[in-house]
Amino acid sequence: MSPPWSVCRLETHSDGRGRLVAVEAGEPHLPFEIRRVYYIYGVPAGQARGFHAHRQLQQLMIAVSGGLDVILDDGDKRHRVRLDDPTRALLVPPMAWHEMHDFAPGTVCLVLASAPYDESDYIRTYESFRAEAAVLATGAVS
């Protein structure tokens, strides 16, 4: 079984003036309407971020500068993805625990999200995430 997240290549347009990458609605790597855009930058050396999952939110993460490791967990398996190329994007679906580590100096991580900020959508502890993921995996209804 393949993991619920995926890494995709973004189309790049290049000429003598430089490069341009556009992310457009309706593309396979963006299966949601963008409702929120934010970016993470200025992360101090050795600092990690994330450590949560979302019940409904989908995200597309792009390291537009620098690089970082994203650890993803579906409640069963963990996988590490290095984002260090602005033409690669990581689709993070709902119910994927994610952690961000090993930020290179100057990293800027752009995140396109399927919904505005909603604290009730967050699962903030790994134990709670594992419990909710287990319920979903068995098809049980609470």
Foldseek 3Di string as FASTA:
>chain_A
DDDPKDKDFFDWDDDPVGIDTDDDPPDPLDPADFADKDKDAPADPFDKDAQKFFQAKKKKKAFLAFKKWKWKDQLPDIDIDIHHDRRMIMIDGGLIRIMIGDTDHGTMMMMGMRHPDDVVRIDRHPVVSNVVSVCVVVVHDD
